[in-house]
């Protein structure tokens, strides 16, 4: 039946993304979340990323998008935690490292006086 084929197709996509997380960039959900972030619709982007994180848990590109949304909403600590988790899954991931550096450069430096 058609529904059985759809279920199988989704299972195959999920398995493929688990093997190669970068493939998530080709999904409608990832594209929509990225578009919403670019347009400044941060809450809507977070809803999309949260939903897709349920389908593709521990997917570093989704985690990076989620962290960018968290940071844009002023949830810097959550964003840092998300990126640290992403980097534990994919040490040295350039996208996660760039996002982390960007967040660190825009967050107040607590407890640091003048040099």
Protein backbone atom coordinates (compact mmCIF):
# COMPACT_ATOMS: atom_id res chain seq x y z
CA UNK A 1 0.00 0.00 0.00
CA UNK A 2 1.01 3.62 -0.44
CA UNK A 3 1.25 4.25 3.31
CA UNK A 4 3.54 1.27 3.70
CA UNK A 5 5.77 2.65 0.95
CA UNK A 6 5.83 6.09 2.63
CA UNK A 7 6.77 4.52 5.97
CA UNK A 8 9.57 2.53 4.31
CA UNK A 9 10.82 5.62 2.49
CA UNK A 10 10.93 7.58 5.77
CA UNK A 11 12.76 4.73 7.49
CA UNK A 12 15.31 4.67 4.66
CA UNK A 13 15.80 8.48 4.88
CA UNK A 14 16.24 8.24 8.64
CA UNK A 15 18.80 5.44 8.27
CA UNK A 16 20.68 7.39 5.57
CA UNK A 17 20.85 10.52 7.73
CA UNK A 18 22.14 8.45 10.66
CA UNK A 19 24.97 7.21 8.44
CA UNK A 20 25.63 10.61 6.83
CA UNK A 21 24.16 13.50 8.87
CA UNK A 22 24.95 16.00 6.10
CA UNK A 23 22.15 14.46 4.04
CA UNK A 24 19.67 16.17 6.36
CA UNK A 25 20.46 19.41 4.48
CA UNK A 26 18.47 17.99 1.56
CA UNK A 27 15.29 17.53 3.60
CA UNK A 28 12.41 19.99 3.46
CA UNK A 29 12.49 20.42 7.23
CA UNK A 30 16.13 21.48 7.30
CA UNK A 31 15.64 23.83 4.36
CA UNK A 32 12.57 25.38 5.97
CA UNK A 33 14.31 25.86 9.33
CA UNK A 34 17.32 27.47 7.65
CA UNK A 35 15.09 29.77 5.60
CA UNK A 36 13.16 30.85 8.70
CA UNK A 37 16.43 31.59 10.53
CA UNK A 38 17.72 33.68 7.62
CA UNK A 39 14.46 35.65 7.56
CA UNK A 40 14.59 36.33 11.30
CA UNK A 41 11.63 34.08 12.21
CA UNK A 42 13.51 32.48 15.10
CA UNK A 43 10.60 30.98 17.06
CA UNK A 44 9.18 29.35 13.94
CA UNK A 45 12.63 28.06 13.01
CA UNK A 46 12.97 26.53 16.48
CA UNK A 47 9.62 24.77 16.09
CA UNK A 48 10.82 23.25 12.81
CA UNK A 49 14.21 22.23 14.23
CA UNK A 50 12.65 20.76 17.37
CA UNK A 51 10.24 18.70 15.28
CA UNK A 52 13.01 17.45 12.98
CA UNK A 53 15.28 16.66 15.93
CA UNK A 54 12.65 14.13 16.97
CA UNK A 55 12.94 12.43 13.57
CA UNK A 56 16.74 12.76 13.35
CA UNK A 57 18.09 12.83 16.92
CA UNK A 58 21.78 13.57 17.35
CA UNK A 59 22.03 15.05 13.85
CA UNK A 60 24.78 17.66 14.02
CA UNK A 61 23.54 19.97 11.21
CA UNK A 62 20.12 20.15 12.88
CA UNK A 63 21.74 20.76 16.26
CA UNK A 64 23.76 23.64 14.79
CA UNK A 65 20.59 25.18 13.33
CA UNK A 66 18.84 24.74 16.64
CA UNK A 67 21.73 26.41 18.47
CA UNK A 68 21.65 29.37 16.08
CA UNK A 69 17.95 29.78 16.81
CA UNK A 70 18.52 29.51 20.54
CA UNK A 71 21.22 32.17 20.37
CA UNK A 72 19.02 34.47 18.29
CA UNK A 73 16.31 34.16 20.95
CA UNK A 74 18.80 35.16 23.66
CA UNK A 75 19.21 31.62 25.00
CA UNK A 76 23.00 31.72 24.83
CA UNK A 77 23.59 29.10 27.50
CA UNK A 78 21.22 26.65 25.74
CA UNK A 79 22.93 27.37 22.41
CA UNK A 80 26.37 26.68 23.88
CA UNK A 81 25.12 23.43 25.45
CA UNK A 82 23.61 22.32 22.12
CA UNK A 83 26.84 23.09 20.25
CA UNK A 84 28.98 21.34 22.86
CA UNK A 85 26.79 18.25 22.44
CA UNK A 86 27.13 18.52 18.65
CA UNK A 87 30.90 18.71 18.97
CA UNK A 88 30.94 15.63 21.20
CA UNK A 89 29.16 13.78 18.37
CA UNK A 90 31.33 15.27 15.63
CA UNK A 91 34.58 16.66 17.08
CA UNK A 92 35.99 19.39 14.89
CA UNK A 93 32.80 19.89 12.87
CA UNK A 94 33.51 23.19 11.07
CA UNK A 95 29.90 24.40 11.09
CA UNK A 96 29.50 23.73 14.82
CA UNK A 97 32.86 25.34 15.61
CA UNK A 98 32.00 28.44 13.55
CA UNK A 99 28.62 28.75 15.28
CA UNK A 100 30.26 28.35 18.70
CA UNK A 101 32.85 31.00 17.89
CA UNK A 102 30.10 33.34 16.64
CA UNK A 103 28.05 32.90 19.79
CA UNK A 104 31.08 33.35 22.05
CA UNK A 105 32.06 36.56 20.26
CA UNK A 106 28.58 38.04 20.71
CA UNK A 107 27.99 37.01 24.32
CA UNK A 108 29.09 39.14 27.26
CA UNK A 109 32.35 38.03 28.81
CA UNK A 110 31.36 37.33 32.38
CA UNK A 111 33.98 37.93 35.03
CA UNK A 112 36.59 39.30 32.64
CA UNK A 113 37.95 42.74 33.33
CA UNK A 114 40.00 44.92 31.01
CA UNK A 115 43.17 43.32 29.71
